[in-house]
Each structure stands twice: as structure tokens, then as C-alpha cells.
Protein backbone atom coordinates (compact mmCIF):
# COMPACT_ATOMS: atom_id res chain seq x y z
CA MET A 1 -3.16 17.78 -16.86
CA THR A 2 0.45 17.73 -18.04
CA SER A 3 1.11 15.93 -21.33
CA VAL A 4 2.84 12.63 -20.68
CA SER A 5 5.21 10.77 -23.00
CA THR A 6 5.88 7.04 -23.09
CA THR A 7 9.53 7.67 -23.84
CA ALA A 8 11.98 4.79 -23.53
CA ASP A 9 14.66 7.19 -22.25
CA THR A 10 16.64 4.94 -19.94
CA ARG A 11 17.83 7.96 -17.96
CA LEU A 12 14.37 8.03 -16.42
CA PRO A 13 13.48 5.65 -13.61
CA PHE A 14 11.55 2.59 -14.76
CA PHE A 15 8.24 3.89 -13.39
CA LEU A 16 8.30 6.93 -15.71
CA ARG A 17 8.93 5.15 -19.01
CA GLY A 18 7.31 2.55 -21.19
CA ASN A 19 3.99 1.31 -19.87
CA TYR A 20 4.88 2.41 -16.35
CA ALA A 21 4.63 6.05 -17.49
CA PRO A 22 1.38 7.86 -16.66
CA VAL A 23 -1.32 8.65 -19.20
CA ALA A 24 -2.45 12.22 -19.69
CA ASP A 25 -6.14 11.96 -20.45
CA GLU A 26 -9.25 10.91 -18.58
CA ILE A 27 -11.66 9.46 -21.15
CA ILE A 28 -14.91 7.56 -21.59
CA ALA A 29 -15.29 5.11 -24.48
CA ASP A 30 -18.52 3.23 -25.28
CA ASN A 31 -19.32 0.32 -27.61
CA LEU A 32 -15.93 -1.31 -27.31
CA THR A 33 -14.68 -3.84 -29.84
CA VAL A 34 -14.61 -7.40 -28.52
CA THR A 35 -12.65 -10.33 -29.93
CA GLY A 36 -14.34 -13.53 -28.76
CA ALA A 37 -17.39 -13.22 -26.53
CA VAL A 38 -17.99 -11.66 -23.12
CA PRO A 39 -19.66 -14.32 -20.93
CA PRO A 40 -23.27 -13.17 -20.38
CA GLU A 41 -23.13 -14.17 -16.70
CA LEU A 42 -20.55 -11.42 -16.09
CA ARG A 43 -22.50 -8.32 -15.10
CA GLY A 44 -20.61 -5.59 -13.29
CA ARG A 45 -17.36 -3.67 -13.41
CA PHE A 46 -13.71 -4.56 -13.33
CA ILE A 47 -11.85 -1.69 -11.64
CA ARG A 48 -8.12 -1.44 -11.08
CA ASN A 49 -6.10 1.18 -9.22
CA GLY A 50 -2.55 2.40 -9.76
CA PRO A 51 -0.19 5.38 -9.61
CA ASN A 52 -0.52 8.02 -12.34
CA PRO A 53 1.32 11.21 -11.28
CA SER A 54 -0.64 14.19 -12.58
CA SER A 55 2.56 16.21 -13.02
CA GLY A 56 4.11 13.47 -15.15
CA ALA A 57 6.73 12.62 -12.53
CA SER A 58 7.06 11.37 -8.98
CA PRO A 59 10.01 10.38 -6.75
CA HIS A 60 8.87 6.74 -6.45
CA TRP A 61 6.47 4.38 -8.24
CA PHE A 62 4.45 3.97 -5.03
CA LEU A 63 3.82 7.72 -4.67
CA GLY A 64 1.95 8.71 -7.86
CA ASP A 65 -1.63 10.01 -7.77
CA GLY A 66 -4.26 7.28 -7.80
CA MET A 67 -6.05 6.59 -11.08
CA LEU A 68 -8.84 4.07 -11.58
CA HIS A 69 -9.32 2.19 -14.86
CA GLY A 70 -12.65 0.42 -15.32
CA VAL A 71 -14.58 -1.72 -17.81
CA GLU A 72 -18.32 -2.36 -17.44
CA LEU A 73 -19.72 -5.68 -18.64
CA GLY A 74 -23.33 -6.74 -19.16
CA ASP A 75 -25.57 -8.70 -21.54
CA GLY A 76 -22.53 -10.15 -23.27
CA ASP A 77 -21.14 -6.68 -24.09
CA ALA A 78 -18.27 -4.47 -22.95
CA ARG A 79 -20.34 -1.35 -22.34
CA TRP A 80 -17.65 1.15 -21.51
CA TYR A 81 -14.08 1.85 -20.53
CA ARG A 82 -13.22 4.89 -18.46
CA ASN A 83 -10.35 6.13 -16.33
CA ARG A 84 -10.55 8.69 -13.56
CA TYR A 85 -8.21 10.20 -11.01
CA VAL A 86 -9.26 9.76 -7.42
CA ARG A 87 -9.93 13.37 -6.44
CA THR A 88 -7.84 13.42 -3.27
CA ARG A 89 -6.56 16.41 -1.35
CA SER A 90 -3.11 15.38 -2.52
CA LEU A 91 -4.17 15.62 -6.18
CA ALA A 92 -5.57 19.08 -5.47
CA GLY A 93 -2.32 20.16 -3.79
CA GLU A 94 -4.00 20.66 -0.42
CA GLY A 95 -1.69 19.96 2.49
CA THR A 96 1.05 17.41 3.06
CA TYR A 97 0.88 13.92 4.55
CA VAL A 98 3.76 14.63 6.96
CA ASP A 99 4.70 18.15 8.05
CA ASP A 100 8.18 19.24 9.17
CA GLN A 101 7.25 18.44 12.77
CA GLY A 102 6.44 14.85 11.92
CA ARG A 103 2.69 15.25 12.28
CA VAL A 104 0.47 13.11 10.04
CA ASP A 105 -2.66 14.24 8.23
CA LEU A 106 -4.67 11.11 7.36
CA THR A 107 -6.87 13.13 5.02
CA VAL A 108 -3.93 13.68 2.64
CA GLY A 109 -3.10 10.62 0.56
CA VAL A 110 -2.91 9.46 -3.04
CA ALA A 111 -5.44 6.55 -2.85
CA ASN A 112 -3.45 4.69 -5.49
CA THR A 113 -3.10 1.05 -4.40
CA HIS A 114 -6.35 -0.92 -4.38
CA VAL A 115 -10.08 -0.57 -4.89
CA VAL A 116 -12.59 -2.78 -3.07
CA GLU A 117 -16.35 -2.99 -2.60
CA HIS A 118 -18.05 -3.66 0.73
CA ALA A 119 -21.58 -3.03 1.95
CA GLY A 120 -22.47 -1.09 -1.19
CA ARG A 121 -19.48 1.26 -1.05
CA ILE A 122 -16.52 1.24 -3.43
CA LEU A 123 -13.34 2.39 -1.67
CA ALA A 124 -10.05 3.50 -3.23
CA LEU A 125 -7.25 2.69 -0.81
CA VAL A 126 -3.67 3.53 0.09
CA GLU A 127 -2.18 2.25 3.34
CA SER A 128 -1.00 5.63 4.62
CA SER A 129 -4.35 7.42 4.72
CA LEU A 130 -8.12 7.25 4.95
CA PRO A 131 -10.07 5.64 2.08
CA TYR A 132 -11.86 7.56 -0.65
CA GLU A 133 -15.31 6.47 -1.76
CA VAL A 134 -16.01 6.41 -5.51
CA THR A 135 -19.12 5.71 -7.58
CA PRO A 136 -19.56 2.73 -9.93
CA GLU A 137 -18.70 5.20 -12.71
CA LEU A 138 -15.39 5.98 -10.94
CA GLU A 139 -16.29 9.51 -9.86
CA THR A 140 -15.00 10.54 -6.43
CA VAL A 141 -17.55 10.91 -3.64
CA GLY A 142 -15.02 11.92 -0.95
CA ARG A 143 -13.05 10.67 2.03
CA TYR A 144 -14.63 7.89 4.04
CA ASP A 145 -14.03 7.21 7.74
CA PHE A 146 -16.84 4.77 8.64
CA GLY A 147 -19.02 7.49 10.10
CA GLY A 148 -16.17 9.02 12.10
CA ARG A 149 -15.23 5.72 13.76
CA LEU A 150 -11.97 5.11 11.85
CA ALA A 151 -9.15 7.07 13.50
CA THR A 152 -6.21 5.40 11.73
CA ALA A 153 -5.11 4.85 8.17
CA MET A 154 -6.61 1.84 6.38
CA THR A 155 -4.58 -0.88 4.75
CA ALA A 156 -4.95 -1.32 0.99
CA HIS A 157 -5.46 -5.06 1.63
CA PRO A 158 -8.59 -5.64 3.71
CA LYS A 159 -9.90 -9.21 3.85
CA LEU A 160 -13.56 -10.01 3.25
CA ASP A 161 -14.68 -13.07 5.16
CA PRO A 162 -16.69 -15.18 2.70
CA SER A 163 -18.86 -16.65 5.47
CA THR A 164 -19.70 -13.67 7.69
CA GLY A 165 -19.41 -10.79 5.21
CA GLU A 166 -17.19 -8.96 7.71
CA LEU A 167 -14.36 -6.79 6.41
CA HIS A 168 -11.15 -7.27 8.42
CA PHE A 169 -8.38 -4.69 8.07
CA PHE A 170 -5.79 -2.69 9.98
CA GLY A 171 -4.04 0.64 10.01
CA TYR A 172 -0.39 1.34 10.73
CA GLY A 173 1.65 4.48 11.26
CA PHE A 174 5.04 5.76 12.34
CA ALA A 175 3.76 7.20 15.63
CA PRO A 176 2.02 5.19 18.37
CA PRO A 177 -0.20 3.28 18.08
CA TYR A 178 1.91 1.65 15.38
CA LEU A 179 -0.71 -0.99 14.51
CA THR A 180 -4.50 -1.14 14.99
CA TYR A 181 -6.78 -3.98 13.90
CA HIS A 182 -10.34 -3.21 12.73
CA VAL A 183 -13.50 -5.11 11.79
CA ALA A 184 -16.52 -3.80 9.90
CA ASP A 185 -19.68 -5.92 9.88
CA ARG A 186 -21.46 -7.00 6.71
CA ASP A 187 -23.49 -3.75 6.76
CA GLY A 188 -20.32 -1.65 6.78
CA THR A 189 -20.42 -0.53 10.42
CA LEU A 190 -17.03 -0.40 12.13
CA ILE A 191 -17.62 -2.62 15.16
CA ARG A 192 -14.13 -3.23 16.49
CA SER A 193 -10.73 -1.51 16.80
CA GLU A 194 -7.91 -3.16 18.75
CA VAL A 195 -4.42 -1.72 19.21
CA ILE A 196 -1.74 -4.38 18.62
CA SER A 197 1.61 -3.93 20.36
CA VAL A 198 4.65 -3.92 18.08
CA ALA A 199 8.15 -2.66 18.75
CA GLY A 200 8.32 0.14 16.23
CA PRO A 201 7.08 1.79 13.03
CA THR A 202 7.41 -0.86 10.34
CA MET A 203 5.76 -0.99 6.90
CA ILE A 204 2.96 -3.53 7.28
CA HIS A 205 1.54 -3.75 3.78
CA ASP A 206 -0.72 -6.78 4.18
CA PHE A 207 -1.80 -9.42 6.69
CA ASN A 208 -3.43 -12.86 6.88
CA LEU A 209 -6.90 -14.04 7.82
CA THR A 210 -8.07 -17.58 8.55
CA GLU A 211 -11.40 -18.93 9.78
CA HIS A 212 -10.49 -18.39 13.44
CA HIS A 213 -7.29 -16.29 13.45
CA VAL A 214 -5.64 -13.10 12.29
CA VAL A 215 -1.89 -13.21 11.53
CA PHE A 216 0.18 -10.01 11.46
CA MET A 217 3.60 -9.78 9.80
CA ASP A 218 6.04 -7.60 11.76
CA LEU A 219 9.03 -7.42 9.41
CA PRO A 220 12.29 -5.41 9.25
CA VAL A 221 11.37 -2.61 6.84
CA VAL A 222 11.16 0.44 9.10
CA PHE A 223 10.11 4.07 8.81
CA ASP A 224 12.92 6.60 8.27
CA PHE A 225 11.99 10.22 9.03
CA GLU A 226 14.90 11.64 7.00
CA LEU A 227 13.72 9.78 3.90
CA ALA A 228 10.21 11.11 4.52
CA MET A 229 11.51 14.67 4.60
CA GLN A 230 13.23 14.03 1.25
CA GLY A 231 9.85 13.26 -0.28
CA THR A 232 10.70 9.73 -1.32
CA MET A 233 9.62 6.29 -0.08
CA PRO A 234 10.23 6.65 3.68
CA TYR A 235 11.17 3.04 4.51
CA ARG A 236 14.39 1.03 4.62
CA TRP A 237 15.69 -2.37 5.70
CA ASP A 238 16.86 -2.65 9.32
CA ASP A 239 18.96 -5.72 10.25
CA SER A 240 18.44 -5.04 13.94
CA TYR A 241 14.64 -5.16 13.93
CA GLY A 242 14.03 -8.88 13.44
CA ALA A 243 11.03 -10.64 11.90
CA ARG A 244 8.04 -12.34 13.47
CA LEU A 245 4.43 -13.40 12.98
CA GLY A 246 1.70 -12.43 15.44
CA VAL A 247 -1.20 -14.90 15.72
CA MET A 248 -4.38 -13.63 17.36
CA PRO A 249 -7.75 -15.38 17.73
CA ARG A 250 -10.31 -13.40 15.77
CA GLY A 251 -12.21 -12.65 18.96
CA GLY A 252 -9.06 -11.98 20.96
CA THR A 253 -7.22 -8.91 22.16
CA ASP A 254 -3.66 -7.64 22.07
CA ALA A 255 -2.92 -9.74 25.16
CA ASP A 256 -3.85 -12.88 23.23
CA VAL A 257 -1.37 -12.36 20.38
CA ARG A 258 1.29 -15.09 20.19
CA TRP A 259 4.47 -13.90 18.47
CA VAL A 260 6.65 -16.40 16.61
CA ASP A 261 10.06 -15.52 15.18
CA ILE A 262 10.89 -16.19 11.53
CA GLU A 263 13.91 -15.68 9.29
CA PRO A 264 14.23 -11.99 8.31
CA CYS A 265 12.47 -11.22 5.04
CA TYR A 266 9.75 -9.01 3.61
CA VAL A 267 6.29 -9.84 2.27
CA PHE A 268 4.08 -7.41 0.42
CA HIS A 269 1.39 -9.95 -0.41
CA PRO A 270 0.19 -13.31 0.88
CA MET A 271 -1.64 -15.57 -1.54
CA ASN A 272 -3.87 -17.11 1.12
CA ALA A 273 -3.93 -18.50 4.66
CA TYR A 274 -5.84 -21.32 6.32
CA GLU A 275 -5.94 -23.70 9.27
CA SER A 276 -4.84 -27.32 8.94
CA GLY A 277 -4.66 -29.92 11.71
CA GLY A 278 -3.99 -27.38 14.45
CA ALA A 279 -1.42 -25.46 12.41
CA ILE A 280 -1.82 -22.23 10.48
CA VAL A 281 -0.58 -22.30 6.88
CA LEU A 282 0.47 -19.07 5.18
CA ASP A 283 1.35 -19.01 1.47
CA VAL A 284 3.19 -15.75 0.79
CA VAL A 285 5.37 -14.08 -1.83
CA ARG A 286 8.64 -13.73 0.09
CA TYR A 287 11.54 -11.32 -0.53
CA PRO A 288 14.79 -12.26 1.24
CA ARG A 289 15.53 -8.54 1.73
CA LEU A 290 14.01 -5.23 0.60
CA TRP A 291 15.31 -1.69 0.21
CA ASP A 292 18.72 -2.44 1.63
CA ARG A 293 20.67 -0.90 -1.25
CA SER A 294 20.33 2.11 -3.54
CA GLY A 295 17.31 2.56 -5.75
CA ASP A 296 14.69 -0.14 -6.13
CA GLU A 297 17.07 -3.00 -6.82
CA PHE A 298 16.29 -6.08 -4.78
CA ASP A 299 16.19 -9.83 -5.12
CA PRO A 300 13.14 -11.52 -6.67
CA ALA A 301 10.30 -12.83 -4.53
CA ARG A 302 9.30 -16.51 -4.47
CA LEU A 303 6.09 -18.24 -3.44
CA THR A 304 6.83 -19.62 0.03
CA ARG A 305 4.83 -21.56 2.63
CA TRP A 306 5.02 -20.90 6.36
CA THR A 307 3.45 -23.59 8.56
CA VAL A 308 2.99 -22.13 12.04
CA ASP A 309 2.74 -24.30 15.15
CA VAL A 310 1.53 -21.68 17.60
CA ASP A 311 1.74 -23.89 20.70
CA ALA A 312 5.33 -24.92 19.96
CA GLY A 313 6.29 -21.41 18.82
CA THR A 314 7.84 -22.71 15.60
CA VAL A 315 7.53 -21.98 11.89
CA LYS A 316 8.45 -24.35 9.08
CA GLU A 317 9.47 -22.52 5.90
CA GLU A 318 9.24 -24.14 2.47
CA GLN A 319 9.76 -22.51 -0.94
CA LEU A 320 6.98 -23.68 -3.27
CA ASP A 321 8.32 -22.36 -6.58
CA ASP A 322 11.56 -21.08 -8.10
CA ARG A 323 9.88 -18.48 -10.30
CA ALA A 324 9.91 -14.79 -9.48
CA THR A 325 6.27 -13.84 -8.87
CA GLU A 326 4.11 -11.13 -7.38
CA PHE A 327 0.47 -10.01 -7.13
CA PRO A 328 -0.95 -13.33 -5.87
CA ARG A 329 -4.73 -13.80 -5.79
CA VAL A 330 -7.28 -16.52 -5.05
CA ALA A 331 -11.01 -16.90 -5.61
CA PRO A 332 -12.91 -14.74 -3.08
CA ASP A 333 -14.88 -17.71 -1.74
CA VAL A 334 -11.72 -19.40 -0.39
CA VAL A 335 -10.09 -16.40 1.33
CA GLY A 336 -8.96 -17.64 4.74
CA ARG A 337 -9.98 -21.21 3.97
CA PRO A 338 -8.23 -24.32 2.59
CA TYR A 339 -7.83 -23.81 -1.15
CA ARG A 340 -6.40 -25.46 -4.22
CA TYR A 341 -5.77 -22.77 -6.85
CA GLY A 342 -3.89 -19.48 -6.77
CA TYR A 343 -2.77 -17.03 -9.44
CA ALA A 344 0.19 -14.70 -9.75
CA VAL A 345 2.21 -12.60 -12.20
CA GLU A 346 5.54 -14.13 -13.21
CA THR A 347 8.37 -11.69 -13.88
CA VAL A 348 10.98 -13.21 -16.16
CA ASP A 349 13.83 -10.70 -16.27
CA GLY A 350 13.37 -8.17 -13.46
CA ILE A 351 11.58 -4.93 -12.77
CA GLY A 352 11.57 -2.42 -15.61
CA GLU A 353 13.13 -4.73 -18.22
CA SER A 354 10.81 -7.68 -17.82
CA HIS A 355 8.55 -9.96 -19.73
CA MET A 356 5.54 -11.04 -17.71
CA ALA A 357 3.12 -13.94 -17.78
CA LEU A 358 0.37 -15.32 -15.56
CA VAL A 359 0.85 -18.44 -13.43
CA LYS A 360 -1.86 -20.71 -12.04
CA TYR A 361 -0.78 -22.79 -9.04
CA ASP A 362 -2.33 -26.04 -7.86
CA VAL A 363 -1.15 -26.08 -4.25
CA GLU A 364 -2.58 -29.54 -3.64
CA THR A 365 -0.54 -31.28 -6.35
CA GLY A 366 2.34 -28.81 -6.57
CA GLY A 367 1.63 -28.32 -10.27
CA SER A 368 1.35 -25.10 -12.21
CA GLU A 369 0.34 -23.72 -15.59
CA VAL A 370 1.51 -20.59 -17.42
CA HIS A 371 -0.48 -18.29 -19.68
CA ASP A 372 1.97 -16.29 -21.77
CA PHE A 373 0.38 -13.64 -23.96
CA GLY A 374 3.38 -13.55 -26.28
CA PRO A 375 6.34 -11.23 -26.89
CA GLY A 376 5.60 -7.61 -26.05
CA ASN A 377 2.29 -8.46 -24.37
CA GLU A 378 2.45 -7.88 -20.62
CA PRO A 379 -0.35 -8.81 -18.21
CA ALA A 380 -1.08 -7.20 -14.87
CA GLU A 381 -2.57 -8.77 -11.73
CA ALA A 382 -5.34 -11.28 -12.54
CA VAL A 383 -8.58 -10.93 -10.56
CA PHE A 384 -10.94 -13.89 -10.13
CA ALA A 385 -14.63 -13.38 -10.91
CA PRO A 386 -16.63 -16.34 -9.58
CA VAL A 387 -19.66 -17.83 -11.32
CA ALA A 388 -22.63 -18.96 -9.25
CA GLY A 389 -23.19 -22.67 -8.90
CA GLY A 390 -19.61 -23.76 -9.46
CA GLY A 391 -16.60 -24.73 -7.40
CA GLU A 392 -13.39 -22.90 -6.60
CA ASP A 393 -12.12 -23.11 -10.20
CA HIS A 394 -15.43 -22.16 -11.82
CA GLY A 395 -15.07 -18.56 -12.92
CA TYR A 396 -13.04 -16.12 -14.94
CA LEU A 397 -9.77 -14.25 -14.58
CA MET A 398 -9.66 -10.59 -15.60
CA THR A 399 -6.64 -8.45 -16.33
CA TYR A 400 -5.28 -5.63 -18.45
CA VAL A 401 -2.67 -6.66 -21.02
CA TYR A 402 -0.33 -4.09 -22.54
CA ASP A 403 0.65 -4.57 -26.22
CA ALA A 404 3.96 -2.80 -26.82
CA ALA A 405 3.70 -3.03 -30.61
CA ARG A 406 0.42 -1.06 -30.58
CA ASP A 407 1.30 0.95 -27.47
CA THR A 408 -2.15 0.27 -26.09
CA SER A 409 -3.93 -2.18 -23.81
CA ASP A 410 -6.67 -4.78 -23.93
CA PHE A 411 -9.01 -5.95 -21.20
CA VAL A 412 -8.72 -9.74 -21.25
CA ILE A 413 -10.94 -12.48 -19.80
CA LEU A 414 -9.60 -16.02 -19.30
CA ALA A 415 -11.56 -19.10 -18.26
CA ALA A 416 -10.06 -20.25 -14.97
CA GLU A 417 -10.80 -23.91 -15.71
CA ASP A 418 -9.03 -23.66 -19.09
CA PHE A 419 -6.21 -21.38 -18.06
CA THR A 420 -3.82 -21.93 -20.97
CA ALA A 421 -6.49 -21.61 -23.68
CA PRO A 422 -6.83 -18.42 -25.73
CA PRO A 423 -8.79 -15.66 -23.99
CA VAL A 424 -12.56 -16.02 -23.84
CA ALA A 425 -12.71 -12.32 -24.70
CA ALA A 426 -10.30 -9.51 -25.43
CA VAL A 427 -11.66 -5.96 -25.34
CA ALA A 428 -9.71 -3.35 -27.31
CA LEU A 429 -9.21 -0.21 -25.21
CA PRO A 430 -8.78 3.30 -26.63
CA GLN A 431 -5.56 3.92 -24.71
CA ARG A 432 -2.97 2.00 -22.75
CA VAL A 433 -3.48 1.20 -19.08
CA PRO A 434 -0.20 1.82 -17.24
CA PHE A 435 1.15 -0.94 -15.03
CA GLY A 436 -0.41 -0.48 -11.63
CA PHE A 437 -1.33 -2.34 -8.50
CA HIS A 438 -4.60 -4.02 -7.50
CA GLY A 439 -8.19 -4.28 -8.63
CA SER A 440 -11.55 -5.93 -8.01
CA TRP A 441 -14.49 -7.38 -9.85
CA VAL A 442 -17.59 -5.54 -8.58
CA PRO A 443 -20.65 -7.50 -9.69
CA ASP A 444 -24.06 -5.87 -10.11
């Protein structure tokens, strides 16, 4: 692999300098040093995905090769840290995602956005392509298409129903069908695929699941073939497209989708969704606009609530917080259900020049708490690891925290019920973990 520098050269784009820059080495480190104590009830692996261009450069942060960073916990110890590229065809230089005729090869993709476990399989995901299966030790098994049943790309944000064990997800593309909804049962068998009618090829990064409904977000960031041919992020804002939410009963079909218009905006990530008194409540991180000017400059995103009255065809919009946040998460047991607590990363000064902290929201009271790791210490997305026998707030939050002074990272565990207290455990890692995207706690 090419040697990679963490240069602060401001002539480079933000995603190629500082802790956004890729690391050069794949390593394994055992017997890690722990400050504090790893809770003995935590047995499994924390795995996070993110872009790490093997050449040392890429045209956009979203386009780097996928690299997994993992820590294994057990018996009160941090057993190992390791990082591994997802061995995709793209990493090997085999083929292109889009050829000059506009044809898509779903087997070519960087698998750099999320990593989830379902039915005994760990899948590395990117929304443009098929998943890649990896082992608990982060080695690549190969592409996975649900036994040949998955004929579309797979979103990086599937939703696991905590009651049924079903995995709900979708695939989108820039050629018809633009959107297809899928369900895999608790055993991992793909049991349903339903084409959903939308007007054009938009970037649908995530969606919403409730106990009885699926809610799609059809928003005005559209595919641009010329940008795709330039090798950069192939999407842009389109004022003419409009914005709407599509509400479908979970057992319904395309004909049952009710579309409701909303104010134009973009949402990468919802925090959660649930049903309340006949309405559907969506708590999302909302951007007023996205990719409507040069580079990656855009306005901050705010936690916002949409309350959807499907029968009336109306949506009430309410901003819940003034802070700029992203990467919202909730405890897995409340996905799609009424909930009280959510977590997000607060960005203080903007992308590339920021200081970051973690925020815990109490959506029942409207309160919030902040865990700031101090100057030069920057957390990533916090993932909730539940503990058996407790309620929604009974568990731990896991994240990687970059220490600029040491130019390295720690794996940090916080007690969810005592969010502002010092970490329960901080595990010193042998190298820094670049800022990335999403991860999961995969218990034994």
C-alpha cells in the first residue's frame, strides 16, 4: 500500500489531511492497554467502517476504499485491535461501477459506509453496490447477494426489527427501477422485494421503519451522469425535483404508498421513527440544502421532527435543537418504536476545521447532555451496546476518539446512564483510526 501522511497541508481537501487522511498499514495488536475497566458483560466486537483510499487519495470523502477497524472485548479485557480493507473488486482494480455507456456493475463497489450483523453474517455495505461478507476477524469472505435473490444494490442503512428479527432495507439506482424495498427474515432469507415508484434517480441514503409502516424519503439530490463520468460524487441539488415522504404499510405494495409533500431539504440519517396516536413521528437530521454550490460546503444539519398525518396528507415540522449534529443513533431495542434517548455527534465549527463532542438527547423532556472529550480529542459516531435485563438507557456507548496531541486514537466506552461521567474504559490503540462513517456492536 502507498505510504500515507497526516499532513496538515490546507491545499489538500479536508478528507485527505489530519485524521481524515487514510492510514497505510493493516495491523493486529493484542493485549491492549486499558485505562479503567472493560465491563465483563461486554463480549463481542465493535466494528466500524469508513473510507481509506489505498492510493492515498480520492476525489471525494465518500469514495475511498472501505476499511474496517475492530476491537474485540471479553472477560473484562480488550483482546485485540485490527484493521482490514474490505477486499472488493474496486480495491483490486477490477472493473468500474459505471462504464461510458452508463451501465452499472453492482459487483464493483468500495463497501465503505457501514457494517452490520444479521443471521450470523457480518456485511460491509455501501449503498451503490452489493454487500461484502466479512469474518468476525474482519477478513473478507466475498460478495453476498442473499443466495442470488438480491438484484439491486443494498442500502448502507438497513433496519433490524427488534420484535421480528427481520432486516428491512432497500436498493436505489440511477436507472429504473429507481427504488426497490426488500425484507430478509430472521434466518437471513430474502423473502420480499417490492419496486417503489419514484419520479427519478435521487440519492436515497436512508429510510424509516416503524412497527407497522415503512417511510421513504424522496428528496431533491439527483444523479448527474456528467459528474459520474468525472469520477466524483455524482449527485447534485435540483430545485425542480421537490421533496416528499412515502408512507407504506409494512405488508403493502407500491400501490399502497401515500406520498406527502414536505419543504425541500436533505436527510442522510434519521435518528428514529415511531407511531403515536395515529400519526407517524420521524426524528431526522435535516439539511436545508445539499450540494448546491462548489465543493462540499453546505449549511449545518439540525435535529428535526416531522409528524406525519397520513390521512390528512400533512406534515408538521419542528426543529428540536439548534446544534449542528450528525450520525444519530438509538438503542437497537427501540428502533421503530417510541423511545426516549438518542445520541449524535455535535460539530462545533464545521467540516474539516471542527471540534466534536457527543450529545445525548432526551426527546421526552427536550433535555440534552454533552460529553466533551476535551481540546484536540474528537469522537466519532457512538454505538449503543445494550445490557440484558435493563431498560432503554441500560447499556454502553462505544466510539473511537482521536487525540491530536498524540496523533493516535483510543477506543472509548461510556456508561449510557451516566453519560457525562469519565469513560468506563479507554483502550489505547497502536495507530489512529481515521474519521469514518458507521459501525456496530456485534455481541458473541
